[in-house]
C-alpha atoms as a PDB file:
ATOM      1  CA  UNK A   1      41.788 -39.953  -5.964  1.00  0.00           C
ATOM      2  CA  UNK A   2      40.375 -39.046  -2.702  1.00  0.00           C
ATOM      3  CA  UNK A   3      38.330 -41.147  -0.356  1.00  0.00           C
ATOM      4  CA  UNK A   4      35.172 -39.871  -1.769  1.00  0.00           C
ATOM      5  CA  UNK A   5      36.095 -41.657  -5.139  1.00  0.00           C
ATOM      6  CA  UNK A   6      37.286 -44.659  -3.331  1.00  0.00           C
ATOM      7  CA  UNK A   7      33.724 -44.812  -1.778  1.00  0.00           C
ATOM      8  CA  UNK A   8      31.747 -44.438  -5.010  1.00  0.00           C
ATOM      9  CA  UNK A   9      34.222 -47.365  -6.793  1.00  0.00           C
ATOM     10  CA  UNK A  10      33.358 -49.844  -3.565  1.00  0.00           C
ATOM     11  CA  UNK A  11      29.369 -48.928  -3.679  1.00  0.00           C
ATOM     12  CA  UNK A  12      29.085 -49.114  -7.421  1.00  0.00           C
ATOM     13  CA  UNK A  13      31.098 -52.553  -7.913  1.00  0.00           C
ATOM     14  CA  UNK A  14      29.169 -53.681  -4.675  1.00  0.00           C
ATOM     15  CA  UNK A  15      26.022 -53.246  -6.364  1.00  0.00           C
ATOM     16  CA  UNK A  16      24.678 -56.839  -7.576  1.00  0.00           C
ATOM     17  CA  UNK A  17      22.280 -57.685 -10.142  1.00  0.00           C
ATOM     18  CA  UNK A  18      19.108 -59.161  -8.725  1.00  0.00           C
ATOM     19  CA  UNK A  19      19.202 -62.611 -10.336  1.00  0.00           C
ATOM     20  CA  UNK A  20      17.033 -65.452  -9.877  1.00  0.00           C
ATOM     21  CA  UNK A  21      19.579 -68.224  -9.479  1.00  0.00           C
ATOM     22  CA  UNK A  22      19.421 -71.878  -8.555  1.00  0.00           C
ATOM     23  CA  UNK A  23      22.954 -71.608  -7.625  1.00  0.00           C
ATOM     24  CA  UNK A  24      24.363 -69.620  -5.348  1.00  0.00           C
ATOM     25  CA  UNK A  25      27.387 -67.745  -6.004  1.00  0.00           C
ATOM     26  CA  UNK A  26      29.101 -68.549  -2.874  1.00  0.00           C
ATOM     27  CA  UNK A  27      29.099 -72.358  -4.151  1.00  0.00           C
ATOM     28  CA  UNK A  28      31.424 -70.843  -7.019  1.00  0.00           C
ATOM     29  CA  UNK A  29      35.471 -71.553  -6.689  1.00  0.00           C
ATOM     30  CA  UNK A  30      37.101 -68.589  -6.011  1.00  0.00           C
ATOM     31  CA  UNK A  31      39.906 -69.554  -8.213  1.00  0.00           C
ATOM     32  CA  UNK A  32      37.472 -70.318 -11.497  1.00  0.00           C
ATOM     33  CA  UNK A  33      36.387 -67.382 -10.848  1.00  0.00           C
ATOM     34  CA  UNK A  34      39.336 -65.683 -11.075  1.00  0.00           C
ATOM     35  CA  UNK A  35      40.478 -66.968 -14.113  1.00  0.00           C
ATOM     36  CA  UNK A  36      36.709 -65.294 -15.542  1.00  0.00           C
ATOM     37  CA  UNK A  37      37.768 -61.916 -14.771  1.00  0.00           C
ATOM     38  CA  UNK A  38      41.514 -62.250 -15.714  1.00  0.00           C
ATOM     39  CA  UNK A  39      40.152 -63.959 -19.201  1.00  0.00           C
ATOM     40  CA  UNK A  40      37.744 -61.240 -19.552  1.00  0.00           C
ATOM     41  CA  UNK A  41      39.346 -58.031 -18.537  1.00  0.00           C
ATOM     42  CA  UNK A  42      43.132 -58.314 -18.043  1.00  0.00           C
ATOM     43  CA  UNK A  43      43.924 -60.682 -20.922  1.00  0.00           C
ATOM     44  CA  UNK A  44      42.966 -57.986 -23.663  1.00  0.00           C
ATOM     45  CA  UNK A  45      44.894 -54.995 -22.020  1.00  0.00           C
ATOM     46  CA  UNK A  46      48.083 -56.953 -21.848  1.00  0.00           C
ATOM     47  CA  UNK A  47      48.643 -54.865 -18.330  1.00  0.00           C
ATOM     48  CA  UNK A  48      49.350 -55.655 -14.690  1.00  0.00           C
ATOM     49  CA  UNK A  49      46.833 -55.383 -12.146  1.00  0.00           C
ATOM     50  CA  UNK A  50      46.951 -54.734  -8.495  1.00  0.00           C
ATOM     51  CA  UNK A  51      45.658 -56.975  -5.625  1.00  0.00           C
ATOM     52  CA  UNK A  52      43.170 -54.477  -4.399  1.00  0.00           C
ATOM     53  CA  UNK A  53      41.453 -54.513  -7.449  1.00  0.00           C
ATOM     54  CA  UNK A  54      41.135 -58.303  -8.179  1.00  0.00           C
ATOM     55  CA  UNK A  55      39.932 -58.799  -4.117  1.00  0.00           C
ATOM     56  CA  UNK A  56      37.329 -56.040  -4.608  1.00  0.00           C
ATOM     57  CA  UNK A  57      35.916 -57.424  -7.700  1.00  0.00           C
ATOM     58  CA  UNK A  58      35.929 -60.734  -6.112  1.00  0.00           C
ATOM     59  CA  UNK A  59      34.480 -59.466  -3.376  1.00  0.00           C
ATOM     60  CA  UNK A  60      31.038 -58.577  -4.924  1.00  0.00           C
ATOM     61  CA  UNK A  61      30.259 -62.231  -5.721  1.00  0.00           C
ATOM     62  CA  UNK A  62      30.961 -62.919  -1.766  1.00  0.00           C
ATOM     63  CA  UNK A  63      34.244 -64.357  -1.934  1.00  0.00           C
ATOM     64  CA  UNK A  64      36.238 -63.274   1.117  1.00  0.00           C
ATOM     65  CA  UNK A  65      39.533 -61.130   0.782  1.00  0.00           C
ATOM     66  CA  UNK A  66      41.527 -64.219   2.482  1.00  0.00           C
ATOM     67  CA  UNK A  67      39.795 -66.700  -0.437  1.00  0.00           C
ATOM     68  CA  UNK A  68      40.512 -64.192  -3.103  1.00  0.00           C
ATOM     69  CA  UNK A  69      44.163 -64.041  -1.862  1.00  0.00           C
ATOM     70  CA  UNK A  70      44.430 -67.740  -1.868  1.00  0.00           C
ATOM     71  CA  UNK A  71      42.879 -67.962  -5.225  1.00  0.00           C
ATOM     72  CA  UNK A  72      45.480 -65.277  -6.702  1.00  0.00           C
ATOM     73  CA  UNK A  73      48.518 -67.558  -4.635  1.00  0.00           C
ATOM     74  CA  UNK A  74      47.344 -71.009  -6.403  1.00  0.00           C
ATOM     75  CA  UNK A  75      46.955 -69.395  -9.926  1.00  0.00           C
ATOM     76  CA  UNK A  76      50.825 -67.924  -9.379  1.00  0.00           C
ATOM     77  CA  UNK A  77      51.786 -71.463  -8.117  1.00  0.00           C
ATOM     78  CA  UNK A  78      50.502 -73.284 -11.562  1.00  0.00           C
ATOM     79  CA  UNK A  79      52.232 -70.289 -13.260  1.00  0.00           C
ATOM     80  CA  UNK A  80      49.487 -68.316 -15.041  1.00  0.00           C
ATOM     81  CA  UNK A  81      50.205 -65.533 -13.062  1.00  0.00           C
ATOM     82  CA  UNK A  82      53.782 -63.824 -11.791  1.00  0.00           C
ATOM     83  CA  UNK A  83      53.450 -60.994  -8.869  1.00  0.00           C
ATOM     84  CA  UNK A  84      55.521 -58.007  -8.793  1.00  0.00           C
ATOM     85  CA  UNK A  85      56.245 -56.082  -5.274  1.00  0.00           C
ATOM     86  CA  UNK A  86      56.008 -51.794  -5.971  1.00  0.00           C
ATOM     87  CA  UNK A  87      56.849 -50.472  -2.499  1.00  0.00           C
ATOM     88  CA  UNK A  88      54.270 -52.229  -0.465  1.00  0.00           C
ATOM     89  CA  UNK A  89      51.513 -53.196  -3.189  1.00  0.00           C
ATOM     90  CA  UNK A  90      51.540 -56.084  -5.384  1.00  0.00           C
ATOM     91  CA  UNK A  91      50.428 -56.516  -9.085  1.00  0.00           C
ATOM     92  CA  UNK A  92      50.248 -59.590 -10.920  1.00  0.00           C
ATOM     93  CA  UNK A  93      50.651 -59.583 -14.612  1.00  0.00           C
ATOM     94  CA  UNK A  94      49.948 -63.050 -16.943  1.00  0.00           C
ATOM     95  CA  UNK A  95      52.745 -64.965 -17.761  1.00  0.00           C
ATOM     96  CA  UNK A  96      53.364 -66.475 -21.142  1.00  0.00           C
ATOM     97  CA  UNK A  97      51.495 -69.590 -20.372  1.00  0.00           C
ATOM     98  CA  UNK A  98      48.875 -67.871 -19.201  1.00  0.00           C
ATOM     99  CA  UNK A  99      48.187 -65.882 -21.938  1.00  0.00           C
ATOM    100  CA  UNK A 100      47.968 -68.961 -24.049  1.00  0.00           C
ATOM    101  CA  UNK A 101      45.860 -70.868 -21.626  1.00  0.00           C
ATOM    102  CA  UNK A 102      43.316 -68.368 -21.254  1.00  0.00           C
ATOM    103  CA  UNK A 103      43.378 -67.039 -25.169  1.00  0.00           C
ATOM    104  CA  UNK A 104      42.301 -70.705 -25.734  1.00  0.00           C
ATOM    105  CA  UNK A 105      39.760 -70.420 -23.075  1.00  0.00           C
ATOM    106  CA  UNK A 106      38.688 -67.443 -24.881  1.00  0.00           C
ATOM    107  CA  UNK A 107      38.113 -68.873 -28.076  1.00  0.00           C
ATOM    108  CA  UNK A 108      36.518 -72.217 -26.806  1.00  0.00           C
ATOM    109  CA  UNK A 109      33.905 -69.777 -24.762  1.00  0.00           C
ATOM    110  CA  UNK A 110      33.286 -67.128 -27.529  1.00  0.00           C
ATOM    111  CA  UNK A 111      33.194 -69.254 -30.471  1.00  0.00           C
ATOM    112  CA  UNK A 112      30.952 -72.024 -28.656  1.00  0.00           C
ATOM    113  CA  UNK A 113      27.237 -71.777 -29.990  1.00  0.00           C
ATOM    114  CA  UNK A 114      28.062 -70.561 -33.137  1.00  0.00           C
ATOM    115  CA  UNK A 115      26.645 -72.338 -36.280  1.00  0.00           C
ATOM    116  CA  UNK A 116      27.853 -75.460 -36.419  1.00  0.00           C
ATOM    117  CA  UNK A 117      28.966 -77.339 -40.316  1.00  0.00           C
ATOM    118  CA  UNK A 118      26.318 -79.383 -41.921  1.00  0.00           C
ATOM    119  CA  UNK A 119      26.939 -82.914 -40.614  1.00  0.00           C
ATOM    120  CA  UNK A 120      27.895 -85.840 -42.617  1.00  0.00           C
ATOM    121  CA  UNK A 121      26.361 -88.577 -41.032  1.00  0.00           C
ATOM    122  CA  UNK A 122      29.697 -90.319 -39.981  1.00  0.00           C
ATOM    123  CA  UNK A 123      30.368 -91.203 -36.264  1.00  0.00           C
ATOM    124  CA  UNK A 124      33.465 -91.811 -34.890  1.00  0.00           C
ATOM    125  CA  UNK A 125      33.500 -94.987 -32.707  1.00  0.00           C
ATOM    126  CA  UNK A 126      36.126 -95.892 -30.131  1.00  0.00           C
ATOM    127  CA  UNK A 127      36.264 -99.281 -28.502  1.00  0.00           C
ATOM    128  CA  UNK A 128      37.961 -99.526 -25.587  1.00  0.00           C
ATOM    129  CA  UNK A 129      37.227-101.806 -22.324  1.00  0.00           C
ATOM    130  CA  UNK A 130      39.025-101.150 -18.401  1.00  0.00           C
ATOM    131  CA  UNK A 131      38.305-104.171 -16.367  1.00  0.00           C
ATOM    132  CA  UNK A 132      35.691-103.374 -12.938  1.00  0.00           C
ATOM    133  CA  UNK A 133      39.194-104.087 -10.696  1.00  0.00           C
ATOM    134  CA  UNK A 134      40.730-101.024 -12.151  1.00  0.00           C
ATOM    135  CA  UNK A 135      37.884 -98.762 -10.926  1.00  0.00           C
ATOM    136  CA  UNK A 136      40.260 -95.196 -10.933  1.00  0.00           C
ATOM    137  CA  UNK A 137      41.284 -95.815 -14.353  1.00  0.00           C
ATOM    138  CA  UNK A 138      38.083 -96.378 -15.641  1.00  0.00           C
ATOM    139  CA  UNK A 139      36.847 -93.156 -14.336  1.00  0.00           C
ATOM    140  CA  UNK A 140      39.643 -91.402 -15.738  1.00  0.00           C
ATOM    141  CA  UNK A 141      38.776 -92.491 -19.172  1.00  0.00           C
ATOM    142  CA  UNK A 142      34.912 -91.779 -18.914  1.00  0.00           C
ATOM    143  CA  UNK A 143      35.899 -88.259 -17.467  1.00  0.00           C
ATOM    144  CA  UNK A 144      38.432 -87.577 -20.060  1.00  0.00           C
ATOM    145  CA  UNK A 145      36.476 -89.113 -23.135  1.00  0.00           C
ATOM    146  CA  UNK A 146      33.070 -87.233 -21.305  1.00  0.00           C
ATOM    147  CA  UNK A 147      35.141 -84.107 -21.502  1.00  0.00           C
ATOM    148  CA  UNK A 148      36.054 -84.030 -25.126  1.00  0.00           C
ATOM    149  CA  UNK A 149      32.376 -84.727 -26.308  1.00  0.00           C
ATOM    150  CA  UNK A 150      32.083 -88.597 -26.583  1.00  0.00           C
ATOM    151  CA  UNK A 151      29.158 -90.618 -25.250  1.00  0.00           C
ATOM    152  CA  UNK A 152      28.857 -94.405 -24.390  1.00  0.00           C
ATOM    153  CA  UNK A 153      25.504 -95.887 -25.541  1.00  0.00           C
ATOM    154  CA  UNK A 154      26.870 -99.303 -24.156  1.00  0.00           C
ATOM    155  CA  UNK A 155      29.808-100.339 -21.941  1.00  0.00           C
ATOM    156  CA  UNK A 156      33.343-100.593 -23.922  1.00  0.00           C
ATOM    157  CA  UNK A 157      31.689 -97.992 -26.513  1.00  0.00           C
ATOM    158  CA  UNK A 158      32.075 -94.524 -27.073  1.00  0.00           C
ATOM    159  CA  UNK A 159      31.113 -92.616 -30.037  1.00  0.00           C
ATOM    160  CA  UNK A 160      30.958 -89.039 -31.083  1.00  0.00           C
ATOM    161  CA  UNK A 161      29.265 -87.043 -33.871  1.00  0.00           C
ATOM    162  CA  UNK A 162      32.674 -85.238 -34.441  1.00  0.00           C
ATOM    163  CA  UNK A 163      34.883 -87.674 -36.643  1.00  0.00           C
ATOM    164  CA  UNK A 164      37.900 -84.978 -36.300  1.00  0.00           C
ATOM    165  CA  UNK A 165      37.928 -85.861 -32.526  1.00  0.00           C
ATOM    166  CA  UNK A 166      40.051 -89.077 -33.449  1.00  0.00           C
ATOM    167  CA  UNK A 167      43.431 -87.493 -32.718  1.00  0.00           C
ATOM    168  CA  UNK A 168      41.936 -86.427 -29.107  1.00  0.00           C
ATOM    169  CA  UNK A 169      40.781 -89.809 -28.222  1.00  0.00           C
ATOM    170  CA  UNK A 170      44.185 -91.194 -29.217  1.00  0.00           C
ATOM    171  CA  UNK A 171      46.009 -89.094 -27.325  1.00  0.00           C
ATOM    172  CA  UNK A 172      43.573 -89.939 -24.180  1.00  0.00           C
ATOM    173  CA  UNK A 173      44.027 -93.799 -24.503  1.00  0.00           C
ATOM    174  CA  UNK A 174      47.588 -93.414 -25.237  1.00  0.00           C
ATOM    175  CA  UNK A 175      48.159 -91.570 -21.891  1.00  0.00           C
ATOM    176  CA  UNK A 176      46.336 -93.927 -19.778  1.00  0.00           C
ATOM    177  CA  UNK A 177      48.090 -96.809 -21.174  1.00  0.00           C
ATOM    178  CA  UNK A 178      45.019 -98.441 -23.143  1.00  0.00           C
ATOM    179  CA  UNK A 179      46.225 -97.900 -26.634  1.00  0.00           C
ATOM    180  CA  UNK A 180      46.631-101.180 -27.528  1.00  0.00           C
ATOM    181  CA  UNK A 181      43.623-102.649 -26.274  1.00  0.00           C
ATOM    182  CA  UNK A 182      41.553 -99.465 -28.126  1.00  0.00           C
ATOM    183  CA  UNK A 183      40.351 -99.629 -32.006  1.00  0.00           C
ATOM    184  CA  UNK A 184      38.179 -96.744 -33.685  1.00  0.00           C
ATOM    185  CA  UNK A 185      36.076 -96.770 -36.350  1.00  0.00           C
ATOM    186  CA  UNK A 186      34.332 -94.244 -38.821  1.00  0.00           C
ATOM    187  CA  UNK A 187      30.831 -95.253 -39.943  1.00  0.00           C
ATOM    188  CA  UNK A 188      27.171 -94.162 -40.905  1.00  0.00           C
ATOM    189  CA  UNK A 189      24.587 -95.700 -38.897  1.00  0.00           C
ATOM    190  CA  UNK A 190      23.423 -99.001 -40.474  1.00  0.00           C
ATOM    191  CA  UNK A 191      19.889-100.805 -40.774  1.00  0.00           C
ATOM    192  CA  UNK A 192      19.570-102.117 -37.563  1.00  0.00           C
ATOM    193  CA  UNK A 193      18.290-100.493 -34.643  1.00  0.00           C
ATOM    194  CA  UNK A 194      17.206 -96.703 -34.099  1.00  0.00           C
ATOM    195  CA  UNK A 195      19.758 -94.098 -34.480  1.00  0.00           C
ATOM    196  CA  UNK A 196      17.932 -91.415 -31.979  1.00  0.00           C
ATOM    197  CA  UNK A 197      17.673 -94.619 -29.218  1.00  0.00           C
ATOM    198  CA  UNK A 198      21.539 -94.951 -29.195  1.00  0.00           C
ATOM    199  CA  UNK A 199      21.930 -90.826 -29.111  1.00  0.00           C
ATOM    200  CA  UNK A 200      19.419 -90.856 -25.665  1.00  0.00           C
ATOM    201  CA  UNK A 201      21.537 -93.871 -24.177  1.00  0.00           C
ATOM    202  CA  UNK A 202      24.414 -92.090 -24.859  1.00  0.00           C
ATOM    203  CA  UNK A 203      23.985 -88.903 -23.523  1.00  0.00           C
ATOM    204  CA  UNK A 204      21.777 -87.241 -21.208  1.00  0.00           C
ATOM    205  CA  UNK A 205      20.344 -84.505 -23.025  1.00  0.00           C
ATOM    206  CA  UNK A 206      17.559 -83.393 -20.454  1.00  0.00           C
ATOM    207  CA  UNK A 207      19.654 -82.716 -18.047  1.00  0.00           C
ATOM    208  CA  UNK A 208      21.860 -80.390 -20.503  1.00  0.00           C
ATOM    209  CA  UNK A 209      18.561 -79.300 -21.527  1.00  0.00           C
ATOM    210  CA  UNK A 210      17.484 -78.319 -17.892  1.00  0.00           C
ATOM    211  CA  UNK A 211      21.028 -76.438 -17.741  1.00  0.00           C
ATOM    212  CA  UNK A 212      20.509 -74.595 -20.751  1.00  0.00           C
ATOM    213  CA  UNK A 213      16.954 -73.480 -19.215  1.00  0.00           C
ATOM    214  CA  UNK A 214      18.524 -72.434 -15.874  1.00  0.00           C
ATOM    215  CA  UNK A 215      21.014 -70.138 -17.807  1.00  0.00           C
ATOM    216  CA  UNK A 216      18.008 -68.605 -19.966  1.00  0.00           C
ATOM    217  CA  UNK A 217      16.165 -67.915 -16.640  1.00  0.00           C
ATOM    218  CA  UNK A 218      19.373 -66.511 -15.014  1.00  0.00           C
ATOM    219  CA  UNK A 219      20.332 -63.975 -17.253  1.00  0.00           C
ATOM    220  CA  UNK A 220      17.475 -63.622 -20.472  1.00  0.00           C
ATOM    221  CA  UNK A 221      15.451 -61.058 -18.266  1.00  0.00           C
ATOM    222  CA  UNK A 222      18.472 -59.447 -16.269  1.00  0.00           C
ATOM    223  CA  UNK A 223      19.114 -55.662 -17.286  1.00  0.00           C
ATOM    224  CA  UNK A 224      21.938 -53.995 -15.422  1.00  0.00           C
ATOM    225  CA  UNK A 225      22.168 -50.413 -15.099  1.00  0.00           C
ATOM    226  CA  UNK A 226      24.846 -49.002 -13.041  1.00  0.00           C
ATOM    227  CA  UNK A 227      28.584 -49.945 -14.116  1.00  0.00           C
ATOM    228  CA  UNK A 228      29.446 -51.970 -10.883  1.00  0.00           C
ATOM    229  CA  UNK A 229      26.130 -54.080 -11.966  1.00  0.00           C
ATOM    230  CA  UNK A 230      27.121 -54.640 -15.795  1.00  0.00           C
ATOM    231  CA  UNK A 231      30.869 -56.118 -14.921  1.00  0.00           C
ATOM    232  CA  UNK A 232      28.980 -57.937 -12.212  1.00  0.00           C
ATOM    233  CA  UNK A 233      26.317 -59.379 -14.983  1.00  0.00           C
ATOM    234  CA  UNK A 234      29.290 -59.564 -17.874  1.00  0.00           C
ATOM    235  CA  UNK A 235      31.766 -61.717 -15.670  1.00  0.00           C
ATOM    236  CA  UNK A 236      28.515 -63.848 -14.504  1.00  0.00           C
ATOM    237  CA  UNK A 237      27.549 -64.649 -18.092  1.00  0.00           C
ATOM    238  CA  UNK A 238      31.066 -65.941 -19.106  1.00  0.00           C
ATOM    239  CA  UNK A 239      31.416 -67.847 -15.849  1.00  0.00           C
ATOM    240  CA  UNK A 240      28.514 -69.720 -16.705  1.00  0.00           C
ATOM    241  CA  UNK A 241      28.761 -70.465 -20.008  1.00  0.00           C
ATOM    242  CA  UNK A 242      32.256 -71.269 -19.837  1.00  0.00           C
ATOM    243  CA  UNK A 243      31.137 -74.796 -18.489  1.00  0.00           C
ATOM    244  CA  UNK A 244      28.810 -75.774 -21.522  1.00  0.00           C
ATOM    245  CA  UNK A 245      31.764 -76.374 -24.229  1.00  0.00           C
ATOM    246  CA  UNK A 246      32.567 -79.141 -22.001  1.00  0.00           C
ATOM    247  CA  UNK A 247      29.227 -80.462 -21.020  1.00  0.00           C
ATOM    248  CA  UNK A 248      27.708 -80.156 -24.388  1.00  0.00           C
ATOM    249  CA  UNK A 249      28.608 -82.777 -27.128  1.00  0.00           C
ATOM    250  CA  UNK A 250      27.814 -80.437 -29.873  1.00  0.00           C
ATOM    251  CA  UNK A 251      25.305 -82.953 -31.677  1.00  0.00           C
ATOM    252  CA  UNK A 252      24.481 -81.974 -34.964  1.00  0.00           C
ATOM    253  CA  UNK A 253      20.968 -80.384 -35.302  1.00  0.00           C
ATOM    254  CA  UNK A 254      19.008 -83.157 -36.366  1.00  0.00           C
ATOM    255  CA  UNK A 255      19.975 -85.652 -33.588  1.00  0.00           C
ATOM    256  CA  UNK A 256      18.776 -82.901 -31.271  1.00  0.00           C
ATOM    257  CA  UNK A 257      15.484 -82.943 -29.409  1.00  0.00           C
ATOM    258  CA  UNK A 258      12.390 -80.099 -30.953  1.00  0.00           C
ATOM    259  CA  UNK A 259      12.891 -76.643 -30.063  1.00  0.00           C
ATOM    260  CA  UNK A 260      16.134 -77.137 -28.347  1.00  0.00           C
ATOM    261  CA  UNK A 261      17.124 -74.872 -25.454  1.00  0.00           C
ATOM    262  CA  UNK A 262      20.959 -74.805 -26.560  1.00  0.00           C
ATOM    263  CA  UNK A 263      20.127 -72.808 -29.594  1.00  0.00           C
ATOM    264  CA  UNK A 264      18.118 -70.368 -27.470  1.00  0.00           C
ATOM    265  CA  UNK A 265      20.850 -69.986 -24.850  1.00  0.00           C
ATOM    266  CA  UNK A 266      23.553 -69.530 -27.070  1.00  0.00           C
ATOM    267  CA  UNK A 267      21.773 -66.681 -29.146  1.00  0.00           C
ATOM    268  CA  UNK A 268      21.047 -64.793 -25.590  1.00  0.00           C
ATOM    269  CA  UNK A 269      25.123 -65.541 -24.693  1.00  0.00           C
ATOM    270  CA  UNK A 270      26.371 -64.099 -27.471  1.00  0.00           C
ATOM    271  CA  UNK A 271      23.969 -61.205 -27.637  1.00  0.00           C
ATOM    272  CA  UNK A 272      24.251 -60.424 -23.948  1.00  0.00           C
ATOM    273  CA  UNK A 273      27.827 -60.433 -24.351  1.00  0.00           C
ATOM    274  CA  UNK A 274      27.672 -58.078 -27.202  1.00  0.00           C
ATOM    275  CA  UNK A 275      25.498 -55.807 -25.374  1.00  0.00           C
ATOM    276  CA  UNK A 276      27.135 -55.597 -21.983  1.00  0.00           C
ATOM    277  CA  UNK A 277      30.683 -55.644 -23.029  1.00  0.00           C
ATOM    278  CA  UNK A 278      31.253 -51.698 -23.342  1.00  0.00           C
ATOM    279  CA  UNK A 279      30.209 -50.765 -20.046  1.00  0.00           C
ATOM    280  CA  UNK A 280      31.723 -53.730 -18.508  1.00  0.00           C
ATOM    281  CA  UNK A 281      34.947 -52.539 -20.136  1.00  0.00           C
ATOM    282  CA  UNK A 282      34.297 -49.041 -19.245  1.00  0.00           C
ATOM    283  CA  UNK A 283      33.716 -50.100 -15.298  1.00  0.00           C
ATOM    284  CA  UNK A 284      36.765 -52.052 -15.519  1.00  0.00           C
ATOM    285  CA  UNK A 285      39.025 -49.328 -16.850  1.00  0.00           C
ATOM    286  CA  UNK A 286      36.967 -46.968 -13.794  1.00  0.00           C
ATOM    287  CA  UNK A 287      38.632 -49.498 -11.119  1.00  0.00           C
ATOM    288  CA  UNK A 288      41.730 -49.718 -12.498  1.00  0.00           C
ATOM    289  CA  UNK A 289      42.347 -45.987 -13.930  1.00  0.00           C
ATOM    290  CA  UNK A 290      44.066 -44.643 -10.369  1.00  0.00           C
ATOM    291  CA  UNK A 291      46.010 -47.479 -10.342  1.00  0.00           C
ATOM    292  CA  UNK A 292      47.452 -47.558 -13.724  1.00  0.00           C
ATOM    293  CA  UNK A 293      47.898 -44.089 -13.534  1.00  0.00           C
ATOM    294  CA  UNK A 294      49.935 -44.562 -10.719  1.00  0.00           C
END
């Protein structure tokens, strides 16, 4: 393509929708943002993409070229991407492990927030404690169980409303060498104490609700117009939403506060993603058209 068409591409993709953000884009990890772009636009096509295209798209989020190239190098070093030199240019393809990683991530992201199954009232309880002297181990255990959706209402006790997470919990304690001390139970809540109070002690639903409100504020009224704006908005939408499967324990509705903002946020994400996807994908094709034809 000629210089005039290249200028159109750059000006359109650089156009950013106005968002009322509480977190600046510059704080976003370049590598994390790259993974979002790869999952949303490269994975579905199964085709290689030039460095220049990825650098250009990341640049619309304020990522400098050097940082973008470093993100590509790190992602390749981790085994998710492989490069191929064509003349003086380089293009990137997902490796089989990279495709599996992003496919699993897409299933988690796009499936999260859909209608949950009816809860039978059973809790999975894990009893596992780590001495104060082993602070690093305690931190790792807490981090991994929290990411797995467990909450801790009292020291040494972890609970989940999803009894299907028992295998995941078993793998965590075995990996950390805590399986001999750990115990698990599946049971319903008894007559002593208050179940809602237990939930409030185990999870900070207020903070999580505020993050959902931030998401709604950021994307609820956003109406991108040009192809570049839609691609930018769609990437940001997915990038922000992909955090929630790791933050939200996905508690049954009856355990959540009234008018839970997570429900509204999920409806917003799925609606906007469907609405914006065609234009975002078309603009990606527009950006990569010259290179793919080369």
